Amino acid sequence: NSVPAPACRDGFDPATIQGLSHHR
């Protein structure tokens, strides 16, 4: 459960993280 980055998923609603591909 570490892909995508937890910082990009934790605390965000599902609509925000939908389609998340990577991080910079």
mmCIF file of all heavy atoms, coordinates in Angstrom:
data_MODEL
# 
_entry.id   MODEL 
# 
loop_
_atom_site.group_PDB 
_atom_site.id 
_atom_site.type_symbol 
_atom_site.label_atom_id 
_atom_site.label_alt_id 
_atom_site.label_comp_id 
_atom_site.label_asym_id 
_atom_site.label_entity_id 
_atom_site.label_seq_id 
_atom_site.pdbx_PDB_ins_code 
_atom_site.Cartn_x 
_atom_site.Cartn_y 
_atom_site.Cartn_z 
_atom_site.occupancy 
_atom_site.B_iso_or_equiv 
_atom_site.pdbx_formal_charge 
_atom_site.auth_seq_id 
_atom_site.auth_comp_id 
_atom_site.auth_asym_id 
_atom_site.auth_atom_id 
_atom_site.pdbx_PDB_model_num 
ATOM 1   N N   . ASN A 1 1  ? 0.820   -1.219 0.000   1.00 0.00 ? 1  ASN A N   1 
ATOM 2   C CA  . ASN A 1 1  ? 0.000   0.000  0.000   1.00 0.00 ? 1  ASN A CA  1 
ATOM 3   C C   . ASN A 1 1  ? 0.854   1.269  0.000   1.00 0.00 ? 1  ASN A C   1 
ATOM 4   O O   . ASN A 1 1  ? 0.521   2.248  0.667   1.00 0.00 ? 1  ASN A O   1 
ATOM 5   C CB  . ASN A 1 1  ? -0.969  -0.012 1.179   1.00 0.00 ? 1  ASN A CB  1 
ATOM 6   C CG  . ASN A 1 1  ? -2.122  0.949  0.948   1.00 0.00 ? 1  ASN A CG  1 
ATOM 7   O OD1 . ASN A 1 1  ? -2.472  1.268  -0.190  1.00 0.00 ? 1  ASN A OD1 1 
ATOM 8   N ND2 . ASN A 1 1  ? -2.733  1.399  2.024   1.00 0.00 ? 1  ASN A ND2 1 
ATOM 9   N N   . SER A 1 2  ? 1.954   1.254  -0.733  1.00 0.00 ? 2  SER A N   1 
ATOM 10  C CA  . SER A 1 2  ? 2.811   2.441  -0.772  1.00 0.00 ? 2  SER A CA  1 
ATOM 11  C C   . SER A 1 2  ? 2.911   3.047  -2.171  1.00 0.00 ? 2  SER A C   1 
ATOM 12  O O   . SER A 1 2  ? 3.686   3.961  -2.388  1.00 0.00 ? 2  SER A O   1 
ATOM 13  C CB  . SER A 1 2  ? 4.213   2.095  -0.265  1.00 0.00 ? 2  SER A CB  1 
ATOM 14  O OG  . SER A 1 2  ? 4.810   1.125  -1.091  1.00 0.00 ? 2  SER A OG  1 
ATOM 15  N N   . VAL A 1 3  ? 2.135   2.507  -3.126  1.00 0.00 ? 3  VAL A N   1 
ATOM 16  C CA  . VAL A 1 3  ? 2.106   3.073  -4.476  1.00 0.00 ? 3  VAL A CA  1 
ATOM 17  C C   . VAL A 1 3  ? 0.660   3.330  -4.816  1.00 0.00 ? 3  VAL A C   1 
ATOM 18  O O   . VAL A 1 3  ? -0.156  2.412  -4.724  1.00 0.00 ? 3  VAL A O   1 
ATOM 19  C CB  . VAL A 1 3  ? 2.734   2.103  -5.503  1.00 0.00 ? 3  VAL A CB  1 
ATOM 20  C CG1 . VAL A 1 3  ? 2.600   2.646  -6.908  1.00 0.00 ? 3  VAL A CG1 1 
ATOM 21  C CG2 . VAL A 1 3  ? 4.182   1.828  -5.165  1.00 0.00 ? 3  VAL A CG2 1 
ATOM 22  N N   . PRO A 1 4  ? 0.259   4.489  -5.184  1.00 0.00 ? 4  PRO A N   1 
ATOM 23  C CA  . PRO A 1 4  ? 1.007   5.746  -5.233  1.00 0.00 ? 4  PRO A CA  1 
ATOM 24  C C   . PRO A 1 4  ? 1.399   6.217  -3.830  1.00 0.00 ? 4  PRO A C   1 
ATOM 25  O O   . PRO A 1 4  ? 0.953   5.663  -2.841  1.00 0.00 ? 4  PRO A O   1 
ATOM 26  C CB  . PRO A 1 4  ? 0.046   6.731  -5.900  1.00 0.00 ? 4  PRO A CB  1 
ATOM 27  C CG  . PRO A 1 4  ? -1.308  6.161  -5.716  1.00 0.00 ? 4  PRO A CG  1 
ATOM 28  C CD  . PRO A 1 4  ? -1.137  4.676  -5.563  1.00 0.00 ? 4  PRO A CD  1 
ATOM 29  N N   . ALA A 1 5  ? 2.209   7.237  -3.793  1.00 0.00 ? 5  ALA A N   1 
ATOM 30  C CA  . ALA A 1 5  ? 2.780   7.717  -2.534  1.00 0.00 ? 5  ALA A CA  1 
ATOM 31  C C   . ALA A 1 5  ? 1.686   7.995  -1.506  1.00 0.00 ? 5  ALA A C   1 
ATOM 32  O O   . ALA A 1 5  ? 0.689   8.640  -1.811  1.00 0.00 ? 5  ALA A O   1 
ATOM 33  C CB  . ALA A 1 5  ? 3.592   8.977  -2.772  1.00 0.00 ? 5  ALA A CB  1 
ATOM 34  N N   . PRO A 1 6  ? 1.876   7.498  -0.270  1.00 0.00 ? 6  PRO A N   1 
ATOM 35  C CA  . PRO A 1 6  ? 0.875   7.743  0.776   1.00 0.00 ? 6  PRO A CA  1 
ATOM 36  C C   . PRO A 1 6  ? 0.603   9.227  1.020   1.00 0.00 ? 6  PRO A C   1 
ATOM 37  O O   . PRO A 1 6  ? -0.520  9.604  1.348   1.00 0.00 ? 6  PRO A O   1 
ATOM 38  C CB  . PRO A 1 6  ? 1.494   7.085  2.009   1.00 0.00 ? 6  PRO A CB  1 
ATOM 39  C CG  . PRO A 1 6  ? 2.402   6.033  1.475   1.00 0.00 ? 6  PRO A CG  1 
ATOM 40  C CD  . PRO A 1 6  ? 2.940   6.599  0.187   1.00 0.00 ? 6  PRO A CD  1 
ATOM 41  N N   . ALA A 1 7  ? 1.608   10.082 0.836   1.00 0.00 ? 7  ALA A N   1 
ATOM 42  C CA  . ALA A 1 7  ? 1.402   11.519 1.041   1.00 0.00 ? 7  ALA A CA  1 
ATOM 43  C C   . ALA A 1 7  ? 0.410   12.087 0.027   1.00 0.00 ? 7  ALA A C   1 
ATOM 44  O O   . ALA A 1 7  ? -0.242  13.093 0.303   1.00 0.00 ? 7  ALA A O   1 
ATOM 45  C CB  . ALA A 1 7  ? 2.732   12.261 0.924   1.00 0.00 ? 7  ALA A CB  1 
ATOM 46  N N   . CYS A 1 8  ? 0.281   11.438 -1.114  1.00 0.00 ? 8  CYS A N   1 
ATOM 47  C CA  . CYS A 1 8  ? -0.668  11.893 -2.141  1.00 0.00 ? 8  CYS A CA  1 
ATOM 48  C C   . CYS A 1 8  ? -2.065  11.336 -1.919  1.00 0.00 ? 8  CYS A C   1 
ATOM 49  O O   . CYS A 1 8  ? -3.027  11.815 -2.517  1.00 0.00 ? 8  CYS A O   1 
ATOM 50  C CB  . CYS A 1 8  ? -0.174  11.482 -3.530  1.00 0.00 ? 8  CYS A CB  1 
ATOM 51  S SG  . CYS A 1 8  ? 1.309   12.332 -4.069  1.00 0.00 ? 8  CYS A SG  1 
ATOM 52  N N   . ARG A 1 9  ? -2.194  10.307 -1.084  1.00 0.00 ? 9  ARG A N   1 
ATOM 53  C CA  . ARG A 1 9  ? -3.489  9.677  -0.858  1.00 0.00 ? 9  ARG A CA  1 
ATOM 54  C C   . ARG A 1 9  ? -4.093  10.012 0.487   1.00 0.00 ? 9  ARG A C   1 
ATOM 55  O O   . ARG A 1 9  ? -5.287  10.232 0.600   1.00 0.00 ? 9  ARG A O   1 
ATOM 56  C CB  . ARG A 1 9  ? -3.351  8.150  -0.948  1.00 0.00 ? 9  ARG A CB  1 
ATOM 57  C CG  . ARG A 1 9  ? -3.042  7.644  -2.318  1.00 0.00 ? 9  ARG A CG  1 
ATOM 58  C CD  . ARG A 1 9  ? -2.880  6.147  -2.339  1.00 0.00 ? 9  ARG A CD  1 
ATOM 59  N NE  . ARG A 1 9  ? -1.653  5.788  -1.620  1.00 0.00 ? 9  ARG A NE  1 
ATOM 60  C CZ  . ARG A 1 9  ? -1.580  4.849  -0.695  1.00 0.00 ? 9  ARG A CZ  1 
ATOM 61  N NH1 . ARG A 1 9  ? -2.622  4.167  -0.348  1.00 0.00 ? 9  ARG A NH1 1 
ATOM 62  N NH2 . ARG A 1 9  ? -0.433  4.588  -0.101  1.00 0.00 ? 9  ARG A NH2 1 
ATOM 63  N N   . ASP A 1 10 ? -3.285  10.024 1.519   1.00 0.00 ? 10 ASP A N   1 
ATOM 64  C CA  . ASP A 1 10 ? -3.793  10.180 2.883   1.00 0.00 ? 10 ASP A CA  1 
ATOM 65  C C   . ASP A 1 10 ? -4.351  11.582 3.107   1.00 0.00 ? 10 ASP A C   1 
ATOM 66  O O   . ASP A 1 10 ? -3.676  12.576 2.874   1.00 0.00 ? 10 ASP A O   1 
ATOM 67  C CB  . ASP A 1 10 ? -2.690  9.894  3.906   1.00 0.00 ? 10 ASP A CB  1 
ATOM 68  C CG  . ASP A 1 10 ? -2.175  8.468  3.818   1.00 0.00 ? 10 ASP A CG  1 
ATOM 69  O OD1 . ASP A 1 10 ? -2.863  7.627  3.206   1.00 0.00 ? 10 ASP A OD1 1 
ATOM 70  O OD2 . ASP A 1 10 ? -1.078  8.200  4.353   1.00 0.00 ? 10 ASP A OD2 1 
ATOM 71  N N   . GLY A 1 11 ? -5.582  11.628 3.570   1.00 0.00 ? 11 GLY A N   1 
ATOM 72  C CA  . GLY A 1 11 ? -6.208  12.901 3.894   1.00 0.00 ? 11 GLY A CA  1 
ATOM 73  C C   . GLY A 1 11 ? -6.906  13.575 2.723   1.00 0.00 ? 11 GLY A C   1 
ATOM 74  O O   . GLY A 1 11 ? -7.407  14.693 2.864   1.00 0.00 ? 11 GLY A O   1 
ATOM 75  N N   . PHE A 1 12 ? -6.934  12.954 1.568   1.00 0.00 ? 12 PHE A N   1 
ATOM 76  C CA  . PHE A 1 12 ? -7.595  13.530 0.395   1.00 0.00 ? 12 PHE A CA  1 
ATOM 77  C C   . PHE A 1 12 ? -8.836  12.721 0.064   1.00 0.00 ? 12 PHE A C   1 
ATOM 78  O O   . PHE A 1 12 ? -8.871  11.506 0.268   1.00 0.00 ? 12 PHE A O   1 
ATOM 79  C CB  . PHE A 1 12 ? -6.653  13.545 -0.818  1.00 0.00 ? 12 PHE A CB  1 
ATOM 80  C CG  . PHE A 1 12 ? -5.480  14.471 -0.662  1.00 0.00 ? 12 PHE A CG  1 
ATOM 81  C CD1 . PHE A 1 12 ? -4.230  13.975 -0.311  1.00 0.00 ? 12 PHE A CD1 1 
ATOM 82  C CD2 . PHE A 1 12 ? -5.628  15.835 -0.842  1.00 0.00 ? 12 PHE A CD2 1 
ATOM 83  C CE1 . PHE A 1 12 ? -3.153  14.812 -0.154  1.00 0.00 ? 12 PHE A CE1 1 
ATOM 84  C CE2 . PHE A 1 12 ? -4.547  16.684 -0.691  1.00 0.00 ? 12 PHE A CE2 1 
ATOM 85  C CZ  . PHE A 1 12 ? -3.307  16.174 -0.344  1.00 0.00 ? 12 PHE A CZ  1 
ATOM 86  N N   . ASP A 1 13 ? -9.836  13.402 -0.472  1.00 0.00 ? 13 ASP A N   1 
ATOM 87  C CA  . ASP A 1 13 ? -11.062 12.699 -0.840  1.00 0.00 ? 13 ASP A CA  1 
ATOM 88  C C   . ASP A 1 13 ? -10.816 11.881 -2.117  1.00 0.00 ? 13 ASP A C   1 
ATOM 89  O O   . ASP A 1 13 ? -9.892  12.161 -2.882  1.00 0.00 ? 13 ASP A O   1 
ATOM 90  C CB  . ASP A 1 13 ? -12.217 13.687 -1.026  1.00 0.00 ? 13 ASP A CB  1 
ATOM 91  C CG  . ASP A 1 13 ? -11.940 14.691 -2.115  1.00 0.00 ? 13 ASP A CG  1 
ATOM 92  O OD1 . ASP A 1 13 ? -11.174 15.651 -1.858  1.00 0.00 ? 13 ASP A OD1 1 
ATOM 93  O OD2 . ASP A 1 13 ? -12.485 14.521 -3.215  1.00 0.00 ? 13 ASP A OD2 1 
ATOM 94  N N   . PRO A 1 14 ? -11.636 10.861 -2.362  1.00 0.00 ? 14 PRO A N   1 
ATOM 95  C CA  . PRO A 1 14 ? -11.433 9.982  -3.526  1.00 0.00 ? 14 PRO A CA  1 
ATOM 96  C C   . PRO A 1 14 ? -11.450 10.724 -4.865  1.00 0.00 ? 14 PRO A C   1 
ATOM 97  O O   . PRO A 1 14 ? -10.756 10.330 -5.800  1.00 0.00 ? 14 PRO A O   1 
ATOM 98  C CB  . PRO A 1 14 ? -12.585 8.985  -3.442  1.00 0.00 ? 14 PRO A CB  1 
ATOM 99  C CG  . PRO A 1 14 ? -12.958 8.958  -1.996  1.00 0.00 ? 14 PRO A CG  1 
ATOM 100 C CD  . PRO A 1 14 ? -12.708 10.357 -1.494  1.00 0.00 ? 14 PRO A CD  1 
ATOM 101 N N   . ALA A 1 15 ? -12.236 11.795 -4.973  1.00 0.00 ? 15 ALA A N   1 
ATOM 102 C CA  . ALA A 1 15 ? -12.282 12.546 -6.231  1.00 0.00 ? 15 ALA A CA  1 
ATOM 103 C C   . ALA A 1 15 ? -10.944 13.228 -6.525  1.00 0.00 ? 15 ALA A C   1 
ATOM 104 O O   . ALA A 1 15 ? -10.540 13.357 -7.679  1.00 0.00 ? 15 ALA A O   1 
ATOM 105 C CB  . ALA A 1 15 ? -13.389 13.591 -6.172  1.00 0.00 ? 15 ALA A CB  1 
ATOM 106 N N   . THR A 1 16 ? -10.243 13.638 -5.474  1.00 0.00 ? 16 THR A N   1 
ATOM 107 C CA  . THR A 1 16 ? -8.954  14.305 -5.660  1.00 0.00 ? 16 THR A CA  1 
ATOM 108 C C   . THR A 1 16 ? -7.889  13.332 -6.124  1.00 0.00 ? 16 THR A C   1 
ATOM 109 O O   . THR A 1 16 ? -7.104  13.638 -7.019  1.00 0.00 ? 16 THR A O   1 
ATOM 110 C CB  . THR A 1 16 ? -8.498  14.975 -4.346  1.00 0.00 ? 16 THR A CB  1 
ATOM 111 O OG1 . THR A 1 16 ? -9.493  15.898 -3.926  1.00 0.00 ? 16 THR A OG1 1 
ATOM 112 C CG2 . THR A 1 16 ? -7.186  15.706 -4.523  1.00 0.00 ? 16 THR A CG2 1 
ATOM 113 N N   . ILE A 1 17 ? -7.870  12.142 -5.552  1.00 0.00 ? 17 ILE A N   1 
ATOM 114 C CA  . ILE A 1 17 ? -6.801  11.191 -5.879  1.00 0.00 ? 17 ILE A CA  1 
ATOM 115 C C   . ILE A 1 17 ? -7.129  10.311 -7.087  1.00 0.00 ? 17 ILE A C   1 
ATOM 116 O O   . ILE A 1 17 ? -6.292  9.518  -7.497  1.00 0.00 ? 17 ILE A O   1 
ATOM 117 C CB  . ILE A 1 17 ? -6.449  10.311 -4.656  1.00 0.00 ? 17 ILE A CB  1 
ATOM 118 C CG1 . ILE A 1 17 ? -7.632  9.490  -4.200  1.00 0.00 ? 17 ILE A CG1 1 
ATOM 119 C CG2 . ILE A 1 17 ? -5.892  11.147 -3.551  1.00 0.00 ? 17 ILE A CG2 1 
ATOM 120 C CD1 . ILE A 1 17 ? -7.308  8.506  -3.098  1.00 0.00 ? 17 ILE A CD1 1 
ATOM 121 N N   . GLN A 1 18 ? -8.303  10.483 -7.675  1.00 0.00 ? 18 GLN A N   1 
ATOM 122 C CA  . GLN A 1 18 ? -8.661  9.680  -8.831  1.00 0.00 ? 18 GLN A CA  1 
ATOM 123 C C   . GLN A 1 18 ? -7.720  9.988  -9.999  1.00 0.00 ? 18 GLN A C   1 
ATOM 124 O O   . GLN A 1 18 ? -7.474  11.138 -10.329 1.00 0.00 ? 18 GLN A O   1 
ATOM 125 C CB  . GLN A 1 18 ? -10.098 9.945  -9.249  1.00 0.00 ? 18 GLN A CB  1 
ATOM 126 C CG  . GLN A 1 18 ? -10.536 9.072  -10.390 1.00 0.00 ? 18 GLN A CG  1 
ATOM 127 C CD  . GLN A 1 18 ? -12.017 8.819  -10.348 1.00 0.00 ? 18 GLN A CD  1 
ATOM 128 O OE1 . GLN A 1 18 ? -12.730 9.390  -9.548  1.00 0.00 ? 18 GLN A OE1 1 
ATOM 129 N NE2 . GLN A 1 18 ? -12.470 7.949  -11.228 1.00 0.00 ? 18 GLN A NE2 1 
ATOM 130 N N   . GLY A 1 19 ? -7.203  8.970  -10.598 1.00 0.00 ? 19 GLY A N   1 
ATOM 131 C CA  . GLY A 1 19 ? -6.319  9.123  -11.740 1.00 0.00 ? 19 GLY A CA  1 
ATOM 132 C C   . GLY A 1 19 ? -4.894  9.478  -11.365 1.00 0.00 ? 19 GLY A C   1 
ATOM 133 O O   . GLY A 1 19 ? -4.109  9.915  -12.208 1.00 0.00 ? 19 GLY A O   1 
ATOM 134 N N   . LEU A 1 20 ? -4.527  9.280  -10.119 1.00 0.00 ? 20 LEU A N   1 
ATOM 135 C CA  . LEU A 1 20 ? -3.171  9.601  -9.650  1.00 0.00 ? 20 LEU A CA  1 
ATOM 136 C C   . LEU A 1 20 ? -2.171  8.682  -10.348 1.00 0.00 ? 20 LEU A C   1 
ATOM 137 O O   . LEU A 1 20 ? -2.327  7.467  -10.367 1.00 0.00 ? 20 LEU A O   1 
ATOM 138 C CB  . LEU A 1 20 ? -3.110  9.406  -8.140  1.00 0.00 ? 20 LEU A CB  1 
ATOM 139 C CG  . LEU A 1 20 ? -1.874  9.872  -7.410  1.00 0.00 ? 20 LEU A CG  1 
ATOM 140 C CD1 . LEU A 1 20 ? -1.674  11.366 -7.590  1.00 0.00 ? 20 LEU A CD1 1 
ATOM 141 C CD2 . LEU A 1 20 ? -1.992  9.548  -5.940  1.00 0.00 ? 20 LEU A CD2 1 
ATOM 142 N N   . SER A 1 21 ? -1.148  9.267  -10.973 1.00 0.00 ? 21 SER A N   1 
ATOM 143 C CA  . SER A 1 21 ? -0.189  8.443  -11.708 1.00 0.00 ? 21 SER A CA  1 
ATOM 144 C C   . SER A 1 21 ? 1.187   8.396  -11.052 1.00 0.00 ? 21 SER A C   1 
ATOM 145 O O   . SER A 1 21 ? 1.805   7.344  -10.985 1.00 0.00 ? 21 SER A O   1 
ATOM 146 C CB  . SER A 1 21 ? -0.047  8.924  -13.146 1.00 0.00 ? 21 SER A CB  1 
ATOM 147 O OG  . SER A 1 21 ? 0.517   10.217 -13.184 1.00 0.00 ? 21 SER A OG  1 
ATOM 148 N N   . HIS A 1 22 ? 1.690   9.523  -10.573 1.00 0.00 ? 22 HIS A N   1 
ATOM 149 C CA  . HIS A 1 22 ? 3.017   9.539  -9.954  1.00 0.00 ? 22 HIS A CA  1 
ATOM 150 C C   . HIS A 1 22 ? 3.171   10.812 -9.119  1.00 0.00 ? 22 HIS A C   1 
ATOM 151 O O   . HIS A 1 22 ? 2.230   11.578 -8.972  1.00 0.00 ? 22 HIS A O   1 
ATOM 152 C CB  . HIS A 1 22 ? 4.127   9.438  -11.002 1.00 0.00 ? 22 HIS A CB  1 
ATOM 153 C CG  . HIS A 1 22 ? 4.194   10.577 -11.953 1.00 0.00 ? 22 HIS A CG  1 
ATOM 154 N ND1 . HIS A 1 22 ? 3.323   10.731 -13.022 1.00 0.00 ? 22 HIS A ND1 1 
ATOM 155 C CD2 . HIS A 1 22 ? 5.023   11.641 -12.007 1.00 0.00 ? 22 HIS A CD2 1 
ATOM 156 C CE1 . HIS A 1 22 ? 3.619   11.825 -13.687 1.00 0.00 ? 22 HIS A CE1 1 
ATOM 157 N NE2 . HIS A 1 22 ? 4.638   12.408 -13.095 1.00 0.00 ? 22 HIS A NE2 1 
ATOM 158 N N   . HIS A 1 23 ? 4.365   11.009 -8.585  1.00 0.00 ? 23 HIS A N   1 
ATOM 159 C CA  . HIS A 1 23 ? 4.637   12.220 -7.799  1.00 0.00 ? 23 HIS A CA  1 
ATOM 160 C C   . HIS A 1 23 ? 5.965   12.818 -8.238  1.00 0.00 ? 23 HIS A C   1 
ATOM 161 O O   . HIS A 1 23 ? 6.783   12.165 -8.884  1.00 0.00 ? 23 HIS A O   1 
ATOM 162 C CB  . HIS A 1 23 ? 4.662   11.902 -6.301  1.00 0.00 ? 23 HIS A CB  1 
ATOM 163 C CG  . HIS A 1 23 ? 5.861   11.112 -5.888  1.00 0.00 ? 23 HIS A CG  1 
ATOM 164 N ND1 . HIS A 1 23 ? 5.904   9.750  -5.958  1.00 0.00 ? 23 HIS A ND1 1 
ATOM 165 C CD2 . HIS A 1 23 ? 7.066   11.500 -5.420  1.00 0.00 ? 23 HIS A CD2 1 
ATOM 166 C CE1 . HIS A 1 23 ? 7.071   9.313  -5.547  1.00 0.00 ? 23 HIS A CE1 1 
ATOM 167 N NE2 . HIS A 1 23 ? 7.817   10.358 -5.212  1.00 0.00 ? 23 HIS A NE2 1 
ATOM 168 N N   . ARG A 1 24 ? 6.154   14.085 -7.882  1.00 0.00 ? 24 ARG A N   1 
ATOM 169 C CA  . ARG A 1 24 ? 7.430   14.775 -8.109  1.00 0.00 ? 24 ARG A CA  1 
ATOM 170 C C   . ARG A 1 24 ? 7.828   15.415 -6.790  1.00 0.00 ? 24 ARG A C   1 
ATOM 171 O O   . ARG A 1 24 ? 7.018   16.089 -6.150  1.00 0.00 ? 24 ARG A O   1 
ATOM 172 C CB  . ARG A 1 24 ? 7.289   15.884 -9.156  1.00 0.00 ? 24 ARG A CB  1 
ATOM 173 C CG  . ARG A 1 24 ? 6.992   15.393 -10.541 1.00 0.00 ? 24 ARG A CG  1 
ATOM 174 C CD  . ARG A 1 24 ? 6.973   16.540 -11.506 1.00 0.00 ? 24 ARG A CD  1 
ATOM 175 N NE  . ARG A 1 24 ? 5.896   17.461 -11.161 1.00 0.00 ? 24 ARG A NE  1 
ATOM 176 C CZ  . ARG A 1 24 ? 5.112   18.078 -12.027 1.00 0.00 ? 24 ARG A CZ  1 
ATOM 177 N NH1 . ARG A 1 24 ? 5.291   17.891 -13.307 1.00 0.00 ? 24 ARG A NH1 1 
ATOM 178 N NH2 . ARG A 1 24 ? 4.158   18.890 -11.637 1.00 0.00 ? 24 ARG A NH2 1 
# 
